[in-house]
Amino acid sequence: MRIKSSFIIFTSFFALSLMVLTSCTKESSPTVGVVIVVDQQKNPIADARVTLSINDDLVSNQGATPIGELTRTEYTDVQGRVEFTYELEAIFDINIQKLSGNDTLIGQNMIALVRGETVTKRVTIN
């Protein structure tokens, strides 16, 4: 009888420990940058080419240069919105181009992504 009680206590403790340990693992939220492109009248611009990049002239204290794979280009949807997802935080240059007839509309800005958060930046092009 004593062995059976010890077994039940051990099994219960093990099951409880397993539940606590697995529930403590934190899911990491994505790091998301949203860019909304508008014209001077605040109208959304669809199909604008948006590029996020890190300045190639930047060098860390350890002498490392930015990773080229971080540069990404996407096109805005009909609401003028585009979304970029990264694993880690970073500060990006935003470069936007939109062909409009014979003109090329451009816009530039910066966005500082925060790990596990969604950061939105509105950029006006002209």
C-alpha atoms as a PDB file:
ATOM      1  CA  MET A   1       0.000   0.000   0.000  1.00  0.00           C
ATOM      2  CA  ARG A   2       2.841   2.400   0.857  1.00  0.00           C
ATOM      3  CA  ILE A   3       4.503   1.752  -2.532  1.00  0.00           C
ATOM      4  CA  LYS A   4       1.224   2.490  -4.306  1.00  0.00           C
ATOM      5  CA  SER A   5       0.869   5.835  -2.437  1.00  0.00           C
ATOM      6  CA  SER A   6       4.443   6.794  -3.240  1.00  0.00           C
ATOM      7  CA  PHE A   7       3.888   5.924  -6.891  1.00  0.00           C
ATOM      8  CA  ILE A   8       0.728   8.050  -7.065  1.00  0.00           C
ATOM      9  CA  ILE A   9       2.473  11.000  -5.395  1.00  0.00           C
ATOM     10  CA  PHE A  10       5.496  10.686  -7.702  1.00  0.00           C
ATOM     11  CA  THR A  11       3.303  10.406 -10.810  1.00  0.00           C
ATOM     12  CA  SER A  12       1.210  13.403  -9.747  1.00  0.00           C
ATOM     13  CA  PHE A  13       4.327  15.483  -9.052  1.00  0.00           C
ATOM     14  CA  PHE A  14       5.839  14.510 -12.419  1.00  0.00           C
ATOM     15  CA  ALA A  15       2.635  15.378 -14.307  1.00  0.00           C
ATOM     16  CA  LEU A  16       2.329  18.714 -12.515  1.00  0.00           C
ATOM     17  CA  SER A  17       5.981  19.558 -13.201  1.00  0.00           C
ATOM     18  CA  LEU A  18       5.564  18.684 -16.866  1.00  0.00           C
ATOM     19  CA  MET A  19       2.505  20.930 -17.186  1.00  0.00           C
ATOM     20  CA  VAL A  20       4.240  23.861 -15.481  1.00  0.00           C
ATOM     21  CA  LEU A  21       7.414  23.562 -17.541  1.00  0.00           C
ATOM     22  CA  THR A  22       5.643  23.286 -20.890  1.00  0.00           C
ATOM     23  CA  SER A  23       3.269  26.152 -20.126  1.00  0.00           C
ATOM     24  CA  CYS A  24       6.197  28.446 -19.236  1.00  0.00           C
ATOM     25  CA  THR A  25       7.718  28.354 -22.705  1.00  0.00           C
ATOM     26  CA  LYS A  26       6.958  31.727 -24.240  1.00  0.00           C
ATOM     27  CA  GLU A  27       5.932  31.915 -27.861  1.00  0.00           C
ATOM     28  CA  SER A  28       7.904  34.681 -29.469  1.00  0.00           C
ATOM     29  CA  SER A  29       5.745  37.198 -31.274  1.00  0.00           C
ATOM     30  CA  PRO A  30       6.841  38.241 -34.735  1.00  0.00           C
ATOM     31  CA  THR A  31       8.644  41.515 -35.308  1.00  0.00           C
ATOM     32  CA  VAL A  32       6.540  43.325 -37.894  1.00  0.00           C
ATOM     33  CA  GLY A  33       6.996  46.570 -39.770  1.00  0.00           C
ATOM     34  CA  VAL A  34       3.975  48.047 -41.535  1.00  0.00           C
ATOM     35  CA  VAL A  35       4.470  50.843 -44.058  1.00  0.00           C
ATOM     36  CA  ILE A  36       1.473  52.834 -45.276  1.00  0.00           C
ATOM     37  CA  VAL A  37       2.097  54.913 -48.395  1.00  0.00           C
ATOM     38  CA  VAL A  38      -0.072  57.965 -49.073  1.00  0.00           C
ATOM     39  CA  ASP A  39       0.018  60.957 -51.397  1.00  0.00           C
ATOM     40  CA  GLN A  40      -0.020  64.595 -50.257  1.00  0.00           C
ATOM     41  CA  GLN A  41      -3.821  64.504 -49.988  1.00  0.00           C
ATOM     42  CA  LYS A  42      -3.540  61.440 -47.654  1.00  0.00           C
ATOM     43  CA  ASN A  43      -4.940  59.063 -50.309  1.00  0.00           C
ATOM     44  CA  PRO A  44      -3.502  55.525 -50.157  1.00  0.00           C
ATOM     45  CA  ILE A  45      -1.126  54.586 -52.991  1.00  0.00           C
ATOM     46  CA  ALA A  46      -1.504  51.076 -54.402  1.00  0.00           C
ATOM     47  CA  ASP A  47       1.334  49.193 -56.150  1.00  0.00           C
ATOM     48  CA  ALA A  48       4.093  51.392 -54.748  1.00  0.00           C
ATOM     49  CA  ARG A  49       7.460  49.637 -54.524  1.00  0.00           C
ATOM     50  CA  VAL A  50       8.612  49.697 -50.880  1.00  0.00           C
ATOM     51  CA  THR A  51      12.140  48.608 -49.950  1.00  0.00           C
ATOM     52  CA  LEU A  52      13.401  48.192 -46.395  1.00  0.00           C
ATOM     53  CA  SER A  53      17.184  48.167 -46.122  1.00  0.00           C
ATOM     54  CA  ILE A  54      19.962  48.791 -43.650  1.00  0.00           C
ATOM     55  CA  ASN A  55      22.494  51.455 -44.573  1.00  0.00           C
ATOM     56  CA  ASP A  56      25.524  49.620 -46.001  1.00  0.00           C
ATOM     57  CA  ASP A  57      27.842  52.259 -44.520  1.00  0.00           C
ATOM     58  CA  LEU A  58      26.929  51.220 -40.984  1.00  0.00           C
ATOM     59  CA  VAL A  59      29.520  49.182 -39.134  1.00  0.00           C
ATOM     60  CA  SER A  60      29.077  47.802 -35.618  1.00  0.00           C
ATOM     61  CA  ASN A  61      31.607  48.300 -32.834  1.00  0.00           C
ATOM     62  CA  GLN A  62      32.865  44.791 -33.621  1.00  0.00           C
ATOM     63  CA  GLY A  63      33.418  45.675 -37.286  1.00  0.00           C
ATOM     64  CA  ALA A  64      30.435  43.756 -38.666  1.00  0.00           C
ATOM     65  CA  THR A  65      28.488  45.172 -41.598  1.00  0.00           C
ATOM     66  CA  PRO A  66      24.720  44.744 -42.147  1.00  0.00           C
ATOM     67  CA  ILE A  67      23.409  41.460 -43.474  1.00  0.00           C
ATOM     68  CA  GLY A  68      22.267  41.871 -47.079  1.00  0.00           C
ATOM     69  CA  GLU A  69      19.413  39.366 -46.678  1.00  0.00           C
ATOM     70  CA  LEU A  70      17.637  41.865 -44.438  1.00  0.00           C
ATOM     71  CA  THR A  71      16.871  44.035 -47.478  1.00  0.00           C
ATOM     72  CA  ARG A  72      13.374  43.260 -48.743  1.00  0.00           C
ATOM     73  CA  THR A  73      11.081  44.751 -51.360  1.00  0.00           C
ATOM     74  CA  GLU A  74       7.293  44.438 -51.490  1.00  0.00           C
ATOM     75  CA  TYR A  75       4.424  46.275 -53.198  1.00  0.00           C
ATOM     76  CA  THR A  76       1.583  48.052 -51.418  1.00  0.00           C
ATOM     77  CA  ASP A  77      -1.985  46.762 -51.548  1.00  0.00           C
ATOM     78  CA  VAL A  78      -5.041  48.880 -52.453  1.00  0.00           C
ATOM     79  CA  GLN A  79      -4.973  50.470 -48.986  1.00  0.00           C
ATOM     80  CA  GLY A  80      -1.361  51.583 -49.576  1.00  0.00           C
ATOM     81  CA  ARG A  81      -0.206  49.083 -46.959  1.00  0.00           C
ATOM     82  CA  VAL A  82       2.699  46.643 -46.978  1.00  0.00           C
ATOM     83  CA  GLU A  83       3.963  44.415 -44.170  1.00  0.00           C
ATOM     84  CA  PHE A  84       7.457  43.089 -43.451  1.00  0.00           C
ATOM     85  CA  THR A  85       8.168  40.390 -40.841  1.00  0.00           C
ATOM     86  CA  TYR A  86      11.585  39.887 -39.281  1.00  0.00           C
ATOM     87  CA  GLU A  87      12.951  37.708 -36.497  1.00  0.00           C
ATOM     88  CA  LEU A  88      14.824  40.456 -34.656  1.00  0.00           C
ATOM     89  CA  GLU A  89      14.605  44.195 -34.203  1.00  0.00           C
ATOM     90  CA  ALA A  90      16.476  46.573 -36.479  1.00  0.00           C
ATOM     91  CA  ILE A  91      16.415  50.114 -37.846  1.00  0.00           C
ATOM     92  CA  PHE A  92      15.635  50.249 -41.561  1.00  0.00           C
ATOM     93  CA  ASP A  93      15.701  52.883 -44.273  1.00  0.00           C
ATOM     94  CA  ILE A  94      12.413  53.013 -46.196  1.00  0.00           C
ATOM     95  CA  ASN A  95      12.635  53.819 -49.913  1.00  0.00           C
ATOM     96  CA  ILE A  96       9.460  54.081 -51.977  1.00  0.00           C
ATOM     97  CA  GLN A  97       8.944  54.464 -55.717  1.00  0.00           C
ATOM     98  CA  LYS A  98       5.714  54.708 -57.674  1.00  0.00           C
ATOM     99  CA  LEU A  99       5.485  55.265 -61.419  1.00  0.00           C
ATOM    100  CA  SER A 100       2.687  57.682 -62.295  1.00  0.00           C
ATOM    101  CA  GLY A 101       2.527  58.345 -66.022  1.00  0.00           C
ATOM    102  CA  ASN A 102       5.905  59.817 -66.971  1.00  0.00           C
ATOM    103  CA  ASP A 103       6.681  60.754 -63.356  1.00  0.00           C
ATOM    104  CA  THR A 104       8.308  58.744 -60.606  1.00  0.00           C
ATOM    105  CA  LEU A 105       6.954  59.565 -57.174  1.00  0.00           C
ATOM    106  CA  ILE A 106       9.369  58.899 -54.338  1.00  0.00           C
ATOM    107  CA  GLY A 107       9.358  58.835 -50.564  1.00  0.00           C
ATOM    108  CA  GLN A 108      11.910  58.087 -47.892  1.00  0.00           C
ATOM    109  CA  ASN A 109      11.824  57.568 -44.163  1.00  0.00           C
ATOM    110  CA  MET A 110      13.097  55.277 -41.415  1.00  0.00           C
ATOM    111  CA  ILE A 111      11.418  52.641 -39.263  1.00  0.00           C
ATOM    112  CA  ALA A 112      12.725  51.195 -36.003  1.00  0.00           C
ATOM    113  CA  LEU A 113      11.357  47.692 -35.492  1.00  0.00           C
ATOM    114  CA  VAL A 114      10.947  46.474 -31.924  1.00  0.00           C
ATOM    115  CA  ARG A 115      11.282  42.759 -31.226  1.00  0.00           C
ATOM    116  CA  GLY A 116       7.910  41.090 -30.782  1.00  0.00           C
ATOM    117  CA  GLU A 117       5.911  44.187 -31.721  1.00  0.00           C
ATOM    118  CA  THR A 118       4.207  45.674 -34.769  1.00  0.00           C
ATOM    119  CA  VAL A 119       5.474  49.135 -35.721  1.00  0.00           C
ATOM    120  CA  THR A 120       3.601  51.218 -38.307  1.00  0.00           C
ATOM    121  CA  LYS A 121       5.083  54.089 -40.311  1.00  0.00           C
ATOM    122  CA  ARG A 122       3.085  56.339 -42.667  1.00  0.00           C
ATOM    123  CA  VAL A 123       5.126  57.773 -45.537  1.00  0.00           C
ATOM    124  CA  THR A 124       3.972  60.517 -47.906  1.00  0.00           C
ATOM    125  CA  ILE A 125       5.297  60.381 -51.463  1.00  0.00           C
ATOM    126  CA  ASN A 126       5.442  63.218 -54.001  1.00  0.00           C
END
